[in-house]
N, C-alpha and C. Protein backbone atom coordinates (compact mmCIF):
# COMPACT_ATOMS: atom_id res chain seq x y z
N UNK A 1 41.23 -10.57 25.50
CA UNK A 1 41.16 -9.67 25.43
C UNK A 1 40.02 -9.36 24.47
N UNK A 2 39.18 -7.89 24.55
CA UNK A 2 38.33 -7.50 23.57
C UNK A 2 38.93 -6.87 22.08
N UNK A 3 38.26 -7.86 21.35
CA UNK A 3 39.12 -7.43 19.70
C UNK A 3 37.97 -5.81 19.29
N UNK A 4 39.09 -5.01 18.75
CA UNK A 4 38.10 -3.14 18.66
C UNK A 4 37.22 -3.15 17.45
N UNK A 5 36.39 -2.54 17.67
CA UNK A 5 34.92 -2.55 16.44
C UNK A 5 36.13 -2.20 15.37
N UNK A 6 35.28 -2.98 13.88
CA UNK A 6 36.02 -2.83 12.80
C UNK A 6 35.83 -1.38 12.56
N UNK A 7 35.07 -0.63 12.90
CA UNK A 7 34.67 0.90 12.27
C UNK A 7 36.10 1.66 12.63
N UNK A 8 37.01 1.13 13.81
CA UNK A 8 37.40 2.05 14.73
C UNK A 8 38.88 1.25 14.10
N UNK A 9 39.15 0.51 12.91
CA UNK A 9 40.14 -0.01 12.27
C UNK A 9 40.89 0.46 11.60
N UNK A 10 42.06 0.70 11.31
CA UNK A 10 42.46 1.33 10.17
C UNK A 10 42.65 0.47 9.21
N UNK A 11 43.16 1.06 7.97
CA UNK A 11 43.35 -0.23 7.03
C UNK A 11 44.57 -0.85 7.29
N UNK A 12 45.47 -0.46 7.51
CA UNK A 12 46.34 -1.48 8.00
C UNK A 12 46.13 -2.79 9.37
N UNK A 13 45.52 -2.08 10.18
CA UNK A 13 45.00 -3.05 11.10
C UNK A 13 43.67 -4.17 10.46
N UNK A 14 43.39 -3.71 9.79
CA UNK A 14 41.99 -4.41 9.47
C UNK A 14 42.33 -5.40 8.38
N UNK A 15 43.96 -5.13 7.71
CA UNK A 15 44.21 -5.98 6.47
C UNK A 15 45.28 -7.16 7.26
N UNK A 16 45.46 -7.25 8.27
CA UNK A 16 46.50 -7.58 9.65
C UNK A 16 45.51 -8.31 10.45
N UNK A 17 43.90 -8.08 10.60
CA UNK A 17 42.86 -8.71 11.48
C UNK A 17 42.15 -9.38 10.58
N UNK A 18 42.20 -9.14 9.19
CA UNK A 18 41.74 -10.47 8.19
C UNK A 18 42.52 -11.30 7.80
N UNK A 19 43.83 -11.00 7.69
CA UNK A 19 44.58 -12.04 7.13
C UNK A 19 44.75 -12.89 8.57
N UNK A 20 44.82 -12.62 9.36
CA UNK A 20 44.47 -13.42 10.59
C UNK A 20 43.32 -14.25 11.18
N UNK A 21 42.06 -13.90 10.31
CA UNK A 21 41.03 -14.46 10.29
C UNK A 21 40.84 -15.36 9.08
N UNK A 22 41.45 -15.08 7.95
CA UNK A 22 41.36 -15.79 7.04
C UNK A 22 42.65 -17.57 7.55
N UNK A 23 43.60 -16.85 8.28
CA UNK A 23 44.44 -18.14 8.62
C UNK A 23 44.01 -19.12 9.87
N UNK A 24 42.95 -18.59 10.48
CA UNK A 24 42.34 -19.37 11.44
C UNK A 24 41.25 -20.31 10.70
N UNK A 25 40.72 -19.45 9.60
CA UNK A 25 39.41 -20.36 9.17
C UNK A 25 40.36 -21.78 8.40
N UNK A 26 41.37 -21.22 7.89
CA UNK A 26 41.88 -22.07 6.68
C UNK A 26 42.81 -23.23 7.47
N UNK A 27 43.17 -23.14 8.34
CA UNK A 27 43.81 -24.20 9.89
C UNK A 27 42.55 -25.29 10.03
N UNK A 28 41.28 -24.34 9.97
CA UNK A 28 40.47 -25.79 10.57
C UNK A 28 40.30 -26.16 12.36
N UNK A 29 41.03 -25.23 12.59
CA UNK A 29 41.49 -25.68 13.97
C UNK A 29 40.18 -25.17 15.09
N UNK A 30 39.08 -24.03 14.72
CA UNK A 30 37.99 -23.50 15.47
C UNK A 30 37.09 -24.77 15.41
N UNK A 31 36.10 -24.22 15.98
CA UNK A 31 34.74 -25.07 16.51
C UNK A 31 33.66 -24.56 15.30
N UNK A 32 32.68 -25.32 15.45
CA UNK A 32 32.13 -24.27 14.13
C UNK A 32 31.55 -23.06 14.97
N UNK A 33 30.89 -23.02 15.22
CA UNK A 33 30.42 -21.43 16.00
C UNK A 33 31.51 -20.24 16.08
N UNK A 34 32.46 -20.84 16.66
CA UNK A 34 33.37 -19.63 15.88
C UNK A 34 33.73 -19.47 14.97
N UNK A 35 34.02 -20.58 14.21
CA UNK A 35 33.66 -20.50 12.86
C UNK A 35 32.82 -19.69 11.96
N UNK A 36 31.82 -19.53 12.73
CA UNK A 36 30.27 -18.67 11.51
C UNK A 36 31.23 -17.39 12.30
N UNK A 37 31.57 -17.07 13.38
CA UNK A 37 31.75 -15.78 14.07
C UNK A 37 32.79 -15.15 13.51
N UNK A 38 34.15 -16.24 12.84
CA UNK A 38 35.07 -15.42 12.30
C UNK A 38 34.78 -15.31 10.81
N UNK A 39 33.75 -16.31 9.88
CA UNK A 39 33.30 -15.81 8.85
C UNK A 39 32.64 -14.38 9.29
N UNK A 40 32.10 -14.18 10.13
CA UNK A 40 31.19 -12.85 9.43
C UNK A 40 32.07 -11.67 10.37
N UNK A 41 33.12 -11.46 11.04
CA UNK A 41 34.12 -10.91 11.33
C UNK A 41 35.21 -10.43 9.89
N UNK A 42 34.94 -11.54 9.36
CA UNK A 42 35.58 -11.17 8.19
C UNK A 42 35.23 -10.71 7.36
N UNK A 43 34.08 -10.58 6.62
CA UNK A 43 33.00 -10.16 5.65
C UNK A 43 33.61 -8.81 6.32
N UNK A 44 32.47 -8.61 7.68
CA UNK A 44 33.03 -7.02 8.37
C UNK A 44 34.60 -6.18 7.75
N UNK A 45 35.45 -6.90 8.14
CA UNK A 45 36.59 -6.57 7.65
C UNK A 45 36.97 -6.17 6.12
N UNK A 46 36.34 -7.19 5.57
CA UNK A 46 36.35 -6.99 3.89
C UNK A 46 35.80 -6.03 3.41
N UNK A 47 34.63 -5.64 4.05
CA UNK A 47 34.01 -4.64 3.55
C UNK A 47 34.42 -3.30 4.24
N UNK A 48 35.00 -3.44 5.42
CA UNK A 48 35.85 -2.47 5.60
C UNK A 48 36.91 -1.80 5.05
N UNK A 49 37.93 -2.85 4.49
CA UNK A 49 39.35 -2.04 3.65
C UNK A 49 38.30 -1.67 2.47
N UNK A 50 37.33 -2.42 1.81
CA UNK A 50 37.04 -1.57 0.23
C UNK A 50 36.78 -0.45 0.46
N UNK A 51 35.77 -0.02 1.50
CA UNK A 51 35.56 1.17 1.69
C UNK A 51 36.54 1.95 2.09
N UNK A 52 37.82 1.67 2.64
CA UNK A 52 38.78 2.29 2.77
C UNK A 52 39.23 2.46 1.53
N UNK A 53 39.52 1.71 0.86
CA UNK A 53 40.55 1.69 -0.36
C UNK A 53 39.55 2.49 -1.85
N UNK A 54 37.95 2.59 -1.07
CA UNK A 54 36.91 3.70 -2.20
C UNK A 54 37.53 4.82 -2.36
N UNK A 55 37.87 5.41 -0.49
CA UNK A 55 37.36 6.84 -0.41
C UNK A 55 39.27 7.07 -0.44
N UNK A 56 40.05 6.11 -0.17
CA UNK A 56 41.40 6.58 -0.96
C UNK A 56 41.18 7.14 -2.69
N UNK A 57 40.69 6.20 -3.23
CA UNK A 57 40.70 6.28 -4.70
C UNK A 57 40.52 7.85 -5.01
N UNK A 58 39.18 8.46 -4.40
CA UNK A 58 38.36 9.21 -4.19
C UNK A 58 39.02 10.30 -4.17
N UNK A 59 39.87 10.50 -2.96
CA UNK A 59 40.79 11.33 -2.82
C UNK A 59 41.68 11.60 -3.62
N UNK A 60 42.24 10.49 -4.57
CA UNK A 60 43.29 11.17 -5.49
C UNK A 60 42.68 11.09 -6.75
N UNK A 61 41.81 11.20 -6.78
CA UNK A 61 40.98 11.29 -7.99
C UNK A 61 40.86 13.00 -8.11
N UNK A 62 40.50 13.25 -6.82
CA UNK A 62 40.37 14.72 -6.51
C UNK A 62 41.64 15.56 -6.79
N UNK A 63 42.53 14.66 -6.25
CA UNK A 63 43.77 15.35 -6.41
C UNK A 63 44.48 15.82 -7.59
N UNK A 64 43.79 14.49 -8.24
CA UNK A 64 44.14 14.28 -10.02
C UNK A 64 43.82 15.34 -10.75
N UNK A 65 42.20 15.56 -10.55
CA UNK A 65 41.62 16.88 -10.95
C UNK A 65 41.70 18.12 -10.32
N UNK A 66 42.60 18.67 -9.58
CA UNK A 66 42.92 19.49 -9.02
C UNK A 66 44.17 20.20 -9.62
N UNK A 67 44.71 19.08 -9.81
CA UNK A 67 46.04 19.19 -10.81
C UNK A 67 45.90 19.34 -12.11
N UNK A 68 45.14 19.27 -13.00
CA UNK A 68 44.16 19.20 -14.35
C UNK A 68 44.64 18.29 -14.88
N UNK A 69 45.24 17.33 -14.33
CA UNK A 69 45.29 15.17 -14.69
C UNK A 69 44.28 14.92 -14.94
N UNK A 70 44.15 14.33 -16.29
CA UNK A 70 43.36 13.34 -16.38
C UNK A 70 42.70 12.16 -15.05
N UNK A 71 41.34 12.06 -15.02
CA UNK A 71 41.06 11.50 -13.76
C UNK A 71 40.06 10.29 -14.46
N UNK A 72 39.92 9.31 -13.10
CA UNK A 72 38.87 8.22 -13.58
C UNK A 72 40.62 7.37 -13.46
N UNK A 73 40.10 6.23 -12.54
CA UNK A 73 40.97 5.06 -12.19
C UNK A 73 40.67 3.91 -13.08
N UNK A 74 41.52 2.58 -12.93
CA UNK A 74 41.38 1.31 -13.57
C UNK A 74 41.29 0.62 -12.60
N UNK A 75 40.14 -0.27 -11.78
CA UNK A 75 40.77 -1.36 -10.85
C UNK A 75 41.71 -2.31 -11.05
N UNK A 76 42.46 -2.76 -10.36
CA UNK A 76 43.82 -3.42 -10.54
C UNK A 76 42.79 -4.64 -11.31
N UNK A 77 41.94 -5.37 -10.92
CA UNK A 77 41.28 -6.64 -11.39
C UNK A 77 41.05 -6.47 -13.07
N UNK A 78 41.05 -5.08 -13.63
CA UNK A 78 40.59 -4.67 -14.67
C UNK A 78 42.11 -5.21 -15.42
N UNK A 79 43.18 -5.18 -15.14
CA UNK A 79 44.43 -4.45 -15.81
C UNK A 79 44.27 -5.38 -16.85
């Protein structure tokens, strides 16, 4: 089965794929070359998810600004 290109994945699809990659790497049941390829795909998936979250955050800020509500967000890590 051919994997769908990362850029075409929804956030949910990318997160599920990332969880699969992490699980495979944690189990250590793959050869070194495959581990490297999985790690590279995982990095792409992580970046894709981060971009999707950033886009969603920007949309929420626009909605809040349009409603006259305070804008600005605090990342979860900053709580």
